[in-house]
Amino acid sequence: MIVRIASEGQFKMPEDAVERLNALDNDAVAAVTAGDEAQFHDLWGKMLELVRSEGQPVDDDELVGSDVILPPADTTFAEAAAEFTGEGLIPD
């Protein structure tokens, strides 16, 4: 799976990391739904760290489509409320 972090770049994610990213995404949706801003920001940071640490950056000259596009790292809670809904950013 190719994951893009908006304004940062694309990453090739190993399958086991995708499963963990999906679990964090589901928890982030629950935090947004509950109005728990602190919990959302904690989970959002973990999602970004997982992609950055376990994903392989895609070379700038390699053209591949993104399967998932994550909002920029500085996403606000209000912006997240529009993004983190239903199945979240990563469909099950």
PDB file of N, CA and C in Angstrom:
ATOM      1  N   MET A   1       0.848  -1.177   0.000  1.00  0.00           N
ATOM      2  CA  MET A   1       0.000   0.000   0.000  1.00  0.00           C
ATOM      3  C   MET A   1       0.891   1.236   0.000  1.00  0.00           C
ATOM      4  N   ILE A   2       0.480   2.213  -0.796  1.00  0.00           N
ATOM      5  CA  ILE A   2       1.185   3.496  -0.848  1.00  0.00           C
ATOM      6  C   ILE A   2       0.370   4.511  -0.039  1.00  0.00           C
ATOM      7  N   VAL A   3       1.032   5.110   0.949  1.00  0.00           N
ATOM      8  CA  VAL A   3       0.403   6.116   1.798  1.00  0.00           C
ATOM      9  C   VAL A   3       1.100   7.453   1.557  1.00  0.00           C
ATOM     10  N   ARG A   4       0.317   8.454   1.298  1.00  0.00           N
ATOM     11  CA  ARG A   4       0.857   9.813   1.159  1.00  0.00           C
ATOM     12  C   ARG A   4       0.500  10.607   2.399  1.00  0.00           C
ATOM     13  N   ILE A   5       1.494  11.303   2.938  1.00  0.00           N
ATOM     14  CA  ILE A   5       1.239  12.313   3.956  1.00  0.00           C
ATOM     15  C   ILE A   5       1.256  13.634   3.196  1.00  0.00           C
ATOM     16  N   ALA A   6       0.115  14.308   3.152  1.00  0.00           N
ATOM     17  CA  ALA A   6       0.019  15.555   2.393  1.00  0.00           C
ATOM     18  C   ALA A   6       1.126  16.511   2.824  1.00  0.00           C
ATOM     19  N   SER A   7       1.771  17.105   1.852  1.00  0.00           N
ATOM     20  CA  SER A   7       2.864  18.062   1.995  1.00  0.00           C
ATOM     21  C   SER A   7       4.188  17.421   2.413  1.00  0.00           C
ATOM     22  N   GLU A   8       4.232  16.067   2.525  1.00  0.00           N
ATOM     23  CA  GLU A   8       5.491  15.405   2.884  1.00  0.00           C
ATOM     24  C   GLU A   8       5.977  14.435   1.821  1.00  0.00           C
ATOM     25  N   GLY A   9       5.111  13.563   1.338  1.00  0.00           N
ATOM     26  CA  GLY A   9       5.548  12.591   0.353  1.00  0.00           C
ATOM     27  C   GLY A   9       4.835  11.267   0.511  1.00  0.00           C
ATOM     28  N   GLN A  10       5.276  10.292  -0.304  1.00  0.00           N
ATOM     29  CA  GLN A  10       4.654   8.974  -0.327  1.00  0.00           C
ATOM     30  C   GLN A  10       5.566   7.944   0.335  1.00  0.00           C
ATOM     31  N   PHE A  11       4.916   6.910   0.887  1.00  0.00           N
ATOM     32  CA  PHE A  11       5.633   5.835   1.565  1.00  0.00           C
ATOM     33  C   PHE A  11       5.016   4.498   1.187  1.00  0.00           C
ATOM     34  N   LYS A  12       5.870   3.512   0.886  1.00  0.00           N
ATOM     35  CA  LYS A  12       5.411   2.138   0.667  1.00  0.00           C
ATOM     36  C   LYS A  12       5.342   1.478   2.034  1.00  0.00           C
ATOM     37  N   MET A  13       4.150   1.004   2.391  1.00  0.00           N
ATOM     38  CA  MET A  13       3.941   0.436   3.723  1.00  0.00           C
ATOM     39  C   MET A  13       3.900  -1.082   3.679  1.00  0.00           C
ATOM     40  N   PRO A  14       4.617  -1.747   4.598  1.00  0.00           N
ATOM     41  CA  PRO A  14       4.498  -3.199   4.703  1.00  0.00           C
ATOM     42  C   PRO A  14       3.120  -3.575   5.254  1.00  0.00           C
ATOM     43  N   GLU A  15       2.635  -4.760   4.903  1.00  0.00           N
ATOM     44  CA  GLU A  15       1.274  -5.176   5.243  1.00  0.00           C
ATOM     45  C   GLU A  15       1.009  -5.134   6.751  1.00  0.00           C
ATOM     46  N   ASP A  16       1.960  -5.584   7.570  1.00  0.00           N
ATOM     47  CA  ASP A  16       1.722  -5.587   9.018  1.00  0.00           C
ATOM     48  C   ASP A  16       1.582  -4.162   9.556  1.00  0.00           C
ATOM     49  N   ALA A  17       2.293  -3.217   8.965  1.00  0.00           N
ATOM     50  CA  ALA A  17       2.180  -1.820   9.384  1.00  0.00           C
ATOM     51  C   ALA A  17       0.836  -1.228   8.951  1.00  0.00           C
ATOM     52  N   VAL A  18       0.330  -1.672   7.798  1.00  0.00           N
ATOM     53  CA  VAL A  18      -0.971  -1.190   7.318  1.00  0.00           C
ATOM     54  C   VAL A  18      -2.063  -1.596   8.297  1.00  0.00           C
ATOM     55  N   GLU A  19      -1.988  -2.809   8.809  1.00  0.00           N
ATOM     56  CA  GLU A  19      -2.981  -3.271   9.790  1.00  0.00           C
ATOM     57  C   GLU A  19      -2.935  -2.424  11.047  1.00  0.00           C
ATOM     58  N   ARG A  20      -1.737  -2.109  11.534  1.00  0.00           N
ATOM     59  CA  ARG A  20      -1.611  -1.264  12.728  1.00  0.00           C
ATOM     60  C   ARG A  20      -2.072   0.159  12.444  1.00  0.00           C
ATOM     61  N   LEU A  21      -1.769   0.663  11.234  1.00  0.00           N
ATOM     62  CA  LEU A  21      -2.212   2.000  10.852  1.00  0.00           C
ATOM     63  C   LEU A  21      -3.735   2.058  10.796  1.00  0.00           C
ATOM     64  N   ASN A  22      -4.351   1.020  10.275  1.00  0.00           N
ATOM     65  CA  ASN A  22      -5.812   0.968  10.212  1.00  0.00           C
ATOM     66  C   ASN A  22      -6.418   0.965  11.613  1.00  0.00           C
ATOM     67  N   ALA A  23      -5.811   0.229  12.537  1.00  0.00           N
ATOM     68  CA  ALA A  23      -6.312   0.204  13.918  1.00  0.00           C
ATOM     69  C   ALA A  23      -6.205   1.591  14.552  1.00  0.00           C
ATOM     70  N   LEU A  24      -5.085   2.282  14.338  1.00  0.00           N
ATOM     71  CA  LEU A  24      -4.936   3.645  14.858  1.00  0.00           C
ATOM     72  C   LEU A  24      -5.955   4.580  14.224  1.00  0.00           C
ATOM     73  N   ASP A  25      -6.188   4.413  12.934  1.00  0.00           N
ATOM     74  CA  ASP A  25      -7.176   5.225  12.219  1.00  0.00           C
ATOM     75  C   ASP A  25      -8.564   5.032  12.820  1.00  0.00           C
ATOM     76  N   ASN A  26      -8.936   3.791  13.077  1.00  0.00           N
ATOM     77  CA  ASN A  26     -10.247   3.508  13.677  1.00  0.00           C
ATOM     78  C   ASN A  26     -10.358   4.149  15.060  1.00  0.00           C
ATOM     79  N   ASP A  27      -9.277   4.076  15.831  1.00  0.00           N
ATOM     80  CA  ASP A  27      -9.275   4.707  17.163  1.00  0.00           C
ATOM     81  C   ASP A  27      -9.365   6.232  17.045  1.00  0.00           C
ATOM     82  N   ALA A  28      -8.719   6.796  16.017  1.00  0.00           N
ATOM     83  CA  ALA A  28      -8.777   8.248  15.808  1.00  0.00           C
ATOM     84  C   ALA A  28     -10.194   8.687  15.458  1.00  0.00           C
ATOM     85  N   VAL A  29     -10.885   7.889  14.647  1.00  0.00           N
ATOM     86  CA  VAL A  29     -12.285   8.184  14.326  1.00  0.00           C
ATOM     87  C   VAL A  29     -13.114   8.191  15.606  1.00  0.00           C
ATOM     88  N   ALA A  30     -12.886   7.201  16.467  1.00  0.00           N
ATOM     89  CA  ALA A  30     -13.625   7.122  17.727  1.00  0.00           C
ATOM     90  C   ALA A  30     -13.332   8.333  18.609  1.00  0.00           C
ATOM     91  N   ALA A  31     -12.073   8.777  18.637  1.00  0.00           N
ATOM     92  CA  ALA A  31     -11.713   9.948  19.444  1.00  0.00           C
ATOM     93  C   ALA A  31     -12.394  11.204  18.913  1.00  0.00           C
ATOM     94  N   VAL A  32     -12.415  11.364  17.598  1.00  0.00           N
ATOM     95  CA  VAL A  32     -13.081  12.535  16.998  1.00  0.00           C
ATOM     96  C   VAL A  32     -14.571  12.484  17.295  1.00  0.00           C
ATOM     97  N   THR A  33     -15.171  11.310  17.127  1.00  0.00           N
ATOM     98  CA  THR A  33     -16.599  11.153  17.381  1.00  0.00           C
ATOM     99  C   THR A  33     -16.940  11.494  18.829  1.00  0.00           C
ATOM    100  N   ALA A  34     -16.038  11.130  19.750  1.00  0.00           N
ATOM    101  CA  ALA A  34     -16.259  11.396  21.171  1.00  0.00           C
ATOM    102  C   ALA A  34     -15.896  12.824  21.563  1.00  0.00           C
ATOM    103  N   GLY A  35     -15.301  13.571  20.621  1.00  0.00           N
ATOM    104  CA  GLY A  35     -14.890  14.944  20.933  1.00  0.00           C
ATOM    105  C   GLY A  35     -13.646  15.015  21.787  1.00  0.00           C
ATOM    106  N   ASP A  36     -12.842  13.952  21.794  1.00  0.00           N
ATOM    107  CA  ASP A  36     -11.639  13.878  22.631  1.00  0.00           C
ATOM    108  C   ASP A  36     -10.427  14.361  21.839  1.00  0.00           C
ATOM    109  N   GLU A  37     -10.195  15.654  21.881  1.00  0.00           N
ATOM    110  CA  GLU A  37      -9.124  16.267  21.094  1.00  0.00           C
ATOM    111  C   GLU A  37      -7.743  15.761  21.505  1.00  0.00           C
ATOM    112  N   ALA A  38      -7.492  15.634  22.796  1.00  0.00           N
ATOM    113  CA  ALA A  38      -6.176  15.167  23.261  1.00  0.00           C
ATOM    114  C   ALA A  38      -5.897  13.750  22.766  1.00  0.00           C
ATOM    115  N   GLN A  39      -6.883  12.887  22.863  1.00  0.00           N
ATOM    116  CA  GLN A  39      -6.712  11.506  22.395  1.00  0.00           C
ATOM    117  C   GLN A  39      -6.490  11.479  20.890  1.00  0.00           C
ATOM    118  N   PHE A  40      -7.236  12.298  20.153  1.00  0.00           N
ATOM    119  CA  PHE A  40      -7.040  12.348  18.703  1.00  0.00           C
ATOM    120  C   PHE A  40      -5.608  12.738  18.375  1.00  0.00           C
ATOM    121  N   HIS A  41      -5.104  13.819  18.991  1.00  0.00           N
ATOM    122  CA  HIS A  41      -3.751  14.287  18.672  1.00  0.00           C
ATOM    123  C   HIS A  41      -2.700  13.235  19.018  1.00  0.00           C
ATOM    124  N   ASP A  42      -2.898  12.498  20.098  1.00  0.00           N
ATOM    125  CA  ASP A  42      -1.983  11.418  20.446  1.00  0.00           C
ATOM    126  C   ASP A  42      -1.992  10.348  19.351  1.00  0.00           C
ATOM    127  N   LEU A  43      -3.169   9.925  18.935  1.00  0.00           N
ATOM    128  CA  LEU A  43      -3.298   8.897  17.902  1.00  0.00           C
ATOM    129  C   LEU A  43      -2.789   9.394  16.556  1.00  0.00           C
ATOM    130  N   TRP A  44      -3.060  10.634  16.218  1.00  0.00           N
ATOM    131  CA  TRP A  44      -2.601  11.212  14.960  1.00  0.00           C
ATOM    132  C   TRP A  44      -1.078  11.207  14.898  1.00  0.00           C
ATOM    133  N   GLY A  45      -0.454  11.580  16.000  1.00  0.00           N
ATOM    134  CA  GLY A  45       1.008  11.540  16.062  1.00  0.00           C
ATOM    135  C   GLY A  45       1.544  10.132  15.877  1.00  0.00           C
ATOM    136  N   LYS A  46       0.874   9.159  16.469  1.00  0.00           N
ATOM    137  CA  LYS A  46       1.291   7.758  16.318  1.00  0.00           C
ATOM    138  C   LYS A  46       1.117   7.287  14.875  1.00  0.00           C
ATOM    139  N   MET A  47       0.042   7.717  14.218  1.00  0.00           N
ATOM    140  CA  MET A  47      -0.174   7.341  12.820  1.00  0.00           C
ATOM    141  C   MET A  47       0.957   7.882  11.936  1.00  0.00           C
ATOM    142  N   LEU A  48       1.275   9.151  12.108  1.00  0.00           N
ATOM    143  CA  LEU A  48       2.331   9.760  11.301  1.00  0.00           C
ATOM    144  C   LEU A  48       3.677   9.106  11.582  1.00  0.00           C
ATOM    145  N   GLU A  49       3.971   8.847  12.842  1.00  0.00           N
ATOM    146  CA  GLU A  49       5.236   8.215  13.201  1.00  0.00           C
ATOM    147  C   GLU A  49       5.343   6.821  12.602  1.00  0.00           C
ATOM    148  N   LEU A  50       4.270   6.066  12.611  1.00  0.00           N
ATOM    149  CA  LEU A  50       4.265   4.723  12.025  1.00  0.00           C
ATOM    150  C   LEU A  50       4.585   4.787  10.537  1.00  0.00           C
ATOM    151  N   VAL A  51       3.945   5.697   9.821  1.00  0.00           N
ATOM    152  CA  VAL A  51       4.201   5.821   8.384  1.00  0.00           C
ATOM    153  C   VAL A  51       5.643   6.235   8.135  1.00  0.00           C
ATOM    154  N   ARG A  52       6.124   7.216   8.872  1.00  0.00           N
ATOM    155  CA  ARG A  52       7.488   7.717   8.670  1.00  0.00           C
ATOM    156  C   ARG A  52       8.552   6.698   9.049  1.00  0.00           C
ATOM    157  N   SER A  53       8.303   5.933  10.114  1.00  0.00           N
ATOM    158  CA  SER A  53       9.334   5.017  10.605  1.00  0.00           C
ATOM    159  C   SER A  53       9.332   3.657   9.911  1.00  0.00           C
ATOM    160  N   GLU A  54       8.169   3.181   9.490  1.00  0.00           N
ATOM    161  CA  GLU A  54       8.112   1.843   8.902  1.00  0.00           C
ATOM    162  C   GLU A  54       7.877   1.851   7.397  1.00  0.00           C
ATOM    163  N   GLY A  55       7.464   2.987   6.859  1.00  0.00           N
ATOM    164  CA  GLY A  55       7.269   3.082   5.414  1.00  0.00           C
ATOM    165  C   GLY A  55       8.581   3.376   4.712  1.00  0.00           C
ATOM    166  N   GLN A  56       8.702   2.875   3.486  1.00  0.00           N
ATOM    167  CA  GLN A  56       9.852   3.189   2.637  1.00  0.00           C
ATOM    168  C   GLN A  56       9.484   4.391   1.782  1.00  0.00           C
ATOM    169  N   PRO A  57      10.225   5.491   1.896  1.00  0.00           N
ATOM    170  CA  PRO A  57       9.896   6.655   1.065  1.00  0.00           C
ATOM    171  C   PRO A  57       9.942   6.297  -0.423  1.00  0.00           C
ATOM    172  N   VAL A  58       8.974   6.786  -1.162  1.00  0.00           N
ATOM    173  CA  VAL A  58       8.942   6.600  -2.611  1.00  0.00           C
ATOM    174  C   VAL A  58       9.819   7.697  -3.214  1.00  0.00           C
ATOM    175  N   ASP A  59      10.708   7.306  -4.121  1.00  0.00           N
ATOM    176  CA  ASP A  59      11.577   8.285  -4.769  1.00  0.00           C
ATOM    177  C   ASP A  59      10.750   9.348  -5.486  1.00  0.00           C
ATOM    178  N   ASP A  60      11.235  10.573  -5.450  1.00  0.00           N
ATOM    179  CA  ASP A  60      10.520  11.684  -6.077  1.00  0.00           C
ATOM    180  C   ASP A  60      10.306  11.468  -7.573  1.00  0.00           C
ATOM    181  N   ASP A  61      11.225  10.733  -8.219  1.00  0.00           N
ATOM    182  CA  ASP A  61      11.094  10.521  -9.662  1.00  0.00           C
ATOM    183  C   ASP A  61      10.255   9.292 -10.012  1.00  0.00           C
ATOM    184  N   GLU A  62       9.767   8.575  -8.998  1.00  0.00           N
ATOM    185  CA  GLU A  62       8.909   7.410  -9.222  1.00  0.00           C
ATOM    186  C   GLU A  62       7.442   7.863  -9.174  1.00  0.00           C
ATOM    187  N   LEU A  63       6.707   7.553 -10.228  1.00  0.00           N
ATOM    188  CA  LEU A  63       5.308   7.956 -10.305  1.00  0.00           C
ATOM    189  C   LEU A  63       4.406   6.786  -9.930  1.00  0.00           C
ATOM    190  N   VAL A  64       3.786   6.877  -8.758  1.00  0.00           N
ATOM    191  CA  VAL A  64       2.840   5.862  -8.303  1.00  0.00           C
ATOM    192  C   VAL A  64       1.653   6.561  -7.661  1.00  0.00           C
ATOM    193  N   GLY A  65       0.490   5.956  -7.801  1.00  0.00           N
ATOM    194  CA  GLY A  65      -0.699   6.504  -7.167  1.00  0.00           C
ATOM    195  C   GLY A  65      -0.715   6.172  -5.688  1.00  0.00           C
ATOM    196  N   SER A  66      -1.351   7.009  -4.922  1.00  0.00           N
ATOM    197  CA  SER A  66      -1.485   6.774  -3.480  1.00  0.00           C
ATOM    198  C   SER A  66      -2.781   6.027  -3.210  1.00  0.00           C
ATOM    199  N   ASP A  67      -2.699   4.986  -2.373  1.00  0.00           N
ATOM    200  CA  ASP A  67      -3.886   4.261  -1.948  1.00  0.00           C
ATOM    201  C   ASP A  67      -4.616   5.019  -0.850  1.00  0.00           C
ATOM    202  N   VAL A  68      -3.852   5.714  -0.019  1.00  0.00           N
ATOM    203  CA  VAL A  68      -4.394   6.479   1.099  1.00  0.00           C
ATOM    204  C   VAL A  68      -3.660   7.809   1.157  1.00  0.00           C
ATOM    205  N   ILE A  69      -4.408   8.879   1.380  1.00  0.00           N
ATOM    206  CA  ILE A  69      -3.794  10.194   1.562  1.00  0.00           C
ATOM    207  C   ILE A  69      -4.147  10.687   2.952  1.00  0.00           C
ATOM    208  N   LEU A  70      -3.116  10.841   3.775  1.00  0.00           N
ATOM    209  CA  LEU A  70      -3.302  11.376   5.119  1.00  0.00           C
ATOM    210  C   LEU A  70      -3.193  12.902   5.060  1.00  0.00           C
ATOM    211  N   PRO A  71      -3.979  13.591   5.856  1.00  0.00           N
ATOM    212  CA  PRO A  71      -3.872  15.060   5.902  1.00  0.00           C
ATOM    213  C   PRO A  71      -2.482  15.481   6.396  1.00  0.00           C
ATOM    214  N   PRO A  72      -2.145  16.751   6.263  1.00  0.00           N
ATOM    215  CA  PRO A  72      -0.846  17.235   6.736  1.00  0.00           C
ATOM    216  C   PRO A  72      -0.686  17.028   8.250  1.00  0.00           C
ATOM    217  N   ALA A  73       0.549  16.991   8.679  1.00  0.00           N
ATOM    218  CA  ALA A  73       0.861  16.758  10.091  1.00  0.00           C
ATOM    219  C   ALA A  73       0.229  17.790  11.015  1.00  0.00           C
ATOM    220  N   ASP A  74       0.048  19.002  10.521  1.00  0.00           N
ATOM    221  CA  ASP A  74      -0.488  20.078  11.372  1.00  0.00           C
ATOM    222  C   ASP A  74      -2.020  20.166  11.321  1.00  0.00           C
ATOM    223  N   THR A  75      -2.666  19.084  10.963  1.00  0.00           N
ATOM    224  CA  THR A  75      -4.130  19.053  10.904  1.00  0.00           C
ATOM    225  C   THR A  75      -4.729  19.410  12.264  1.00  0.00           C
ATOM    226  N   THR A  76      -5.687  20.307  12.257  1.00  0.00           N
ATOM    227  CA  THR A  76      -6.343  20.701  13.504  1.00  0.00           C
ATOM    228  C   THR A  76      -7.462  19.710  13.840  1.00  0.00           C
ATOM    229  N   PHE A  77      -7.928  19.764  15.056  1.00  0.00           N
ATOM    230  CA  PHE A  77      -9.027  18.894  15.478  1.00  0.00           C
ATOM    231  C   PHE A  77     -10.281  19.193  14.667  1.00  0.00           C
ATOM    232  N   ALA A  78     -10.535  20.468  14.404  1.00  0.00           N
ATOM    233  CA  ALA A  78     -11.711  20.841  13.608  1.00  0.00           C
ATOM    234  C   ALA A  78     -11.606  20.268  12.198  1.00  0.00           C
ATOM    235  N   GLU A  79     -10.420  20.329  11.603  1.00  0.00           N
ATOM    236  CA  GLU A  79     -10.225  19.743  10.274  1.00  0.00           C
ATOM    237  C   GLU A  79     -10.369  18.218  10.330  1.00  0.00           C
ATOM    238  N   ALA A  80      -9.882  17.625  11.393  1.00  0.00           N
ATOM    239  CA  ALA A  80      -9.962  16.175  11.551  1.00  0.00           C
ATOM    240  C   ALA A  80     -11.406  15.709  11.628  1.00  0.00           C
ATOM    241  N   ALA A  81     -12.261  16.532  12.202  1.00  0.00           N
ATOM    242  CA  ALA A  81     -13.673  16.160  12.331  1.00  0.00           C
ATOM    243  C   ALA A  81     -14.307  15.935  10.965  1.00  0.00           C
ATOM    244  N   ALA A  82     -13.802  16.612   9.945  1.00  0.00           N
ATOM    245  CA  ALA A  82     -14.322  16.429   8.591  1.00  0.00           C
ATOM    246  C   ALA A  82     -13.695  15.229   7.889  1.00  0.00           C
ATOM    247  N   GLU A  83     -12.488  14.840   8.298  1.00  0.00           N
ATOM    248  CA  GLU A  83     -11.757  13.760   7.634  1.00  0.00           C
ATOM    249  C   GLU A  83     -11.973  12.397   8.289  1.00  0.00           C
ATOM    250  N   PHE A  84     -11.956  12.381   9.607  1.00  0.00           N
ATOM    251  CA  PHE A  84     -11.995  11.119  10.348  1.00  0.00           C
ATOM    252  C   PHE A  84     -13.442  10.773  10.688  1.00  0.00           C
ATOM    253  N   THR A  85     -14.137  10.222   9.707  1.00  0.00           N
ATOM    254  CA  THR A  85     -15.536   9.842   9.877  1.00  0.00           C
ATOM    255  C   THR A  85     -15.751   8.445   9.318  1.00  0.00           C
ATOM    256  N   GLY A  86     -16.841   7.833   9.671  1.00  0.00           N
ATOM    257  CA  GLY A  86     -17.201   6.520   9.113  1.00  0.00           C
ATOM    258  C   GLY A  86     -16.099   5.496   9.290  1.00  0.00           C
ATOM    259  N   GLU A  87     -15.600   4.973   8.170  1.00  0.00           N
ATOM    260  CA  GLU A  87     -14.533   3.980   8.207  1.00  0.00           C
ATOM    261  C   GLU A  87     -13.175   4.627   8.419  1.00  0.00           C
ATOM    262  N   GLY A  88     -13.110   5.935   8.447  1.00  0.00           N
ATOM    263  CA  GLY A  88     -11.843   6.617   8.610  1.00  0.00           C
ATOM    264  C   GLY A  88     -11.138   6.823   7.279  1.00  0.00           C
ATOM    265  N   LEU A  89      -9.861   7.094   7.343  1.00  0.00           N
ATOM    266  CA  LEU A  89      -9.078   7.359   6.145  1.00  0.00           C
ATOM    267  C   LEU A  89      -8.694   6.082   5.429  1.00  0.00           C
ATOM    268  N   ILE A  90      -8.608   4.982   6.187  1.00  0.00           N
ATOM    269  CA  ILE A  90      -8.198   3.696   5.637  1.00  0.00           C
ATOM    270  C   ILE A  90      -9.371   2.741   5.717  1.00  0.00           C
ATOM    271  N   PRO A  91     -10.002   2.427   4.598  1.00  0.00           N
ATOM    272  CA  PRO A  91     -11.152   1.518   4.638  1.00  0.00           C
ATOM    273  C   PRO A  91     -10.741   0.131   5.092  1.00  0.00           C
ATOM    274  N   ASP A  92     -11.616  -0.523   5.848  1.00  0.00           N
ATOM    275  CA  ASP A  92     -11.331  -1.886   6.328  1.00  0.00           C
ATOM    276  C   ASP A  92     -11.381  -2.867   5.191  1.00  0.00           C
TER     277      ASP A  92
END
